C-alpha atoms as a PDB file:
ATOM      1  CA  MET A   1      -4.781   7.635  18.418  1.00  0.00           C
ATOM      2  CA  GLU A   2      -3.617   9.003  15.434  1.00  0.00           C
ATOM      3  CA  GLU A   3      -1.216  11.530  17.287  1.00  0.00           C
ATOM      4  CA  ILE A   4       0.483   8.044  18.884  1.00  0.00           C
ATOM      5  CA  VAL A   5       0.632   6.486  15.488  1.00  0.00           C
ATOM      6  CA  GLN A   6       2.405   9.274  14.180  1.00  0.00           C
ATOM      7  CA  GLN A   7       5.001   9.627  17.167  1.00  0.00           C
ATOM      8  CA  TYR A   8       5.412   5.861  16.677  1.00  0.00           C
ATOM      9  CA  LEU A   9       6.293   6.367  12.664  1.00  0.00           C
ATOM     10  CA  GLN A  10       8.548   9.670  13.633  1.00  0.00           C
ATOM     11  CA  SER A  11      10.716   7.059  16.280  1.00  0.00           C
ATOM     12  CA  PHE A  12      10.970   4.428  13.840  1.00  0.00           C
ATOM     13  CA  ALA A  13      12.044   6.592  10.713  1.00  0.00           C
ATOM     14  CA  LEU A  14      14.608   7.372  13.424  1.00  0.00           C
ATOM     15  CA  LEU A  15      16.001   4.305  13.965  1.00  0.00           C
ATOM     16  CA  ARG A  16      16.120   3.554   9.836  1.00  0.00           C
ATOM     17  CA  GLN A  17      18.357   6.655  10.006  1.00  0.00           C
ATOM     18  CA  GLY A  18      20.915   4.244  12.185  1.00  0.00           C
ATOM     19  CA  THR A  19      22.922   6.665  13.861  1.00  0.00           C
ATOM     20  CA  ASN A  20      23.540   6.575  17.909  1.00  0.00           C
ATOM     21  CA  GLU A  21      22.077  10.099  18.321  1.00  0.00           C
ATOM     22  CA  ALA A  22      19.158   9.006  16.123  1.00  0.00           C
ATOM     23  CA  VAL A  23      18.491   5.307  18.110  1.00  0.00           C
ATOM     24  CA  GLN A  24      18.715   7.313  21.359  1.00  0.00           C
ATOM     25  CA  GLN A  25      16.177   9.478  20.434  1.00  0.00           C
ATOM     26  CA  ALA A  26      14.217   6.971  19.117  1.00  0.00           C
ATOM     27  CA  THR A  27      14.525   4.579  22.054  1.00  0.00           C
ATOM     28  CA  ALA A  28      13.339   7.611  24.718  1.00  0.00           C
ATOM     29  CA  MET A  29      10.687   8.076  22.221  1.00  0.00           C
ATOM     30  CA  CYS A  30       9.064   4.581  22.134  1.00  0.00           C
ATOM     31  CA  GLU A  31      10.034   4.671  26.095  1.00  0.00           C
ATOM     32  CA  VAL A  32       7.695   7.299  26.814  1.00  0.00           C
ATOM     33  CA  LEU A  33       5.524   5.735  24.563  1.00  0.00           C
ATOM     34  CA  ASN A  34       5.592   2.408  25.074  1.00  0.00           C
ATOM     35  CA  GLN A  35       4.571   2.995  29.491  1.00  0.00           C
ATOM     36  CA  SER A  36       0.698   3.307  28.215  1.00  0.00           C
ATOM     37  CA  PRO A  37      -1.277   0.154  27.850  1.00  0.00           C
ATOM     38  CA  ASP A  38      -2.942   2.142  25.493  1.00  0.00           C
ATOM     39  CA  SER A  39      -0.352   2.379  23.207  1.00  0.00           C
ATOM     40  CA  ILE A  40      -1.408  -1.413  22.251  1.00  0.00           C
ATOM     41  CA  PHE A  41      -3.702   0.175  19.507  1.00  0.00           C
ATOM     42  CA  PRO A  42      -1.791   2.633  17.613  1.00  0.00           C
ATOM     43  CA  LEU A  43       0.538  -0.156  17.067  1.00  0.00           C
ATOM     44  CA  ILE A  44      -2.251  -3.014  16.192  1.00  0.00           C
ATOM     45  CA  HIS A  45      -2.961   0.016  13.508  1.00  0.00           C
ATOM     46  CA  ILE A  46       0.534   0.481  12.485  1.00  0.00           C
ATOM     47  CA  LEU A  47       0.852  -3.573  11.744  1.00  0.00           C
ATOM     48  CA  LEU A  48      -2.381  -3.825   9.857  1.00  0.00           C
ATOM     49  CA  THR A  49      -2.015  -0.790   7.657  1.00  0.00           C
ATOM     50  CA  ASN A  50       1.929  -0.055   7.081  1.00  0.00           C
ATOM     51  CA  ASP A  51       3.447  -1.909   4.251  1.00  0.00           C
ATOM     52  CA  ASP A  52       6.685  -1.507   5.114  1.00  0.00           C
ATOM     53  CA  HIS A  53       8.476  -5.034   6.516  1.00  0.00           C
ATOM     54  CA  THR A  54      10.679  -3.052   8.413  1.00  0.00           C
ATOM     55  CA  ILE A  55       8.120  -1.002  10.302  1.00  0.00           C
ATOM     56  CA  LYS A  56       6.219  -3.805  10.667  1.00  0.00           C
ATOM     57  CA  THR A  57       8.539  -5.330  12.804  1.00  0.00           C
ATOM     58  CA  TYR A  58       9.646  -2.043  14.833  1.00  0.00           C
ATOM     59  CA  ALA A  59       5.812  -2.410  15.659  1.00  0.00           C
ATOM     60  CA  SER A  60       5.763  -5.774  16.610  1.00  0.00           C
ATOM     61  CA  ASN A  61       8.828  -5.861  18.381  1.00  0.00           C
ATOM     62  CA  TYR A  62       7.419  -2.674  21.048  1.00  0.00           C
ATOM     63  CA  LEU A  63       4.084  -4.114  20.585  1.00  0.00           C
ATOM     64  CA  ALA A  64       5.328  -7.381  22.439  1.00  0.00           C
ATOM     65  CA  ILE A  65       6.586  -5.071  25.208  1.00  0.00           C
ATOM     66  CA  VAL A  66       4.195  -2.806  26.015  1.00  0.00           C
ATOM     67  CA  VAL A  67       2.208  -6.244  26.075  1.00  0.00           C
ATOM     68  CA  SER A  68       4.539  -7.749  28.185  1.00  0.00           C
ATOM     69  CA  LYS A  69       4.712  -4.487  30.329  1.00  0.00           C
ATOM     70  CA  SER A  70       0.741  -4.796  30.670  1.00  0.00           C
ATOM     71  CA  HIS A  71       0.995  -8.401  31.495  1.00  0.00           C
ATOM     72  CA  GLY A  72      -0.138  -8.429  35.248  1.00  0.00           C
ATOM     73  CA  ASN A  73      -2.841  -5.677  34.113  1.00  0.00           C
ATOM     74  CA  ILE A  74      -4.202  -7.478  30.541  1.00  0.00           C
ATOM     75  CA  GLY A  75      -4.030 -11.190  31.049  1.00  0.00           C
ATOM     76  CA  ASP A  76      -2.267 -13.422  29.067  1.00  0.00           C
ATOM     77  CA  PRO A  77      -0.563 -11.531  26.002  1.00  0.00           C
ATOM     78  CA  ALA A  78      -1.084 -13.768  23.279  1.00  0.00           C
ATOM     79  CA  SER A  79      -4.556 -13.912  23.791  1.00  0.00           C
ATOM     80  CA  VAL A  80      -5.139 -10.552  24.584  1.00  0.00           C
ATOM     81  CA  ILE A  81      -2.933  -9.432  20.853  1.00  0.00           C
ATOM     82  CA  GLN A  82      -5.437 -11.909  19.112  1.00  0.00           C
ATOM     83  CA  GLN A  83      -8.190 -10.610  20.263  1.00  0.00           C
ATOM     84  CA  LEU A  84      -7.151  -7.332  19.251  1.00  0.00           C
ATOM     85  CA  LEU A  85      -6.566  -7.878  15.763  1.00  0.00           C
ATOM     86  CA  GLN A  86      -9.664  -9.728  16.044  1.00  0.00           C
ATOM     87  CA  ALA A  87     -11.656  -6.765  16.938  1.00  0.00           C
ATOM     88  CA  ILE A  88      -9.851  -4.309  14.685  1.00  0.00           C
ATOM     89  CA  SER A  89     -10.100  -6.760  11.592  1.00  0.00           C
ATOM     90  CA  LYS A  90     -14.323  -6.731  12.024  1.00  0.00           C
ATOM     91  CA  GLU A  91     -14.087  -3.125  12.156  1.00  0.00           C
ATOM     92  CA  GLU A  92     -12.390  -2.606   8.810  1.00  0.00           C
END
């Protein structure tokens, strides 16, 4: 999971640069990462552990994308996110 977290954080750093090239590269990286429902957990980890508001905003936006793409596979997105956050909070 840590590797995926780092890949997301790298893509978020590129987004912050704001250049067209950096944004395109970050978008391409995230599109690959977002293809798997397994990326839900790293994004939630980023939301729970990162203090940077911008990073949390990026993570929450991508979390919504991953959940909506996986909707048919995982059930109600709001319920799933709530359950995941509760499970992670209990682990910490």
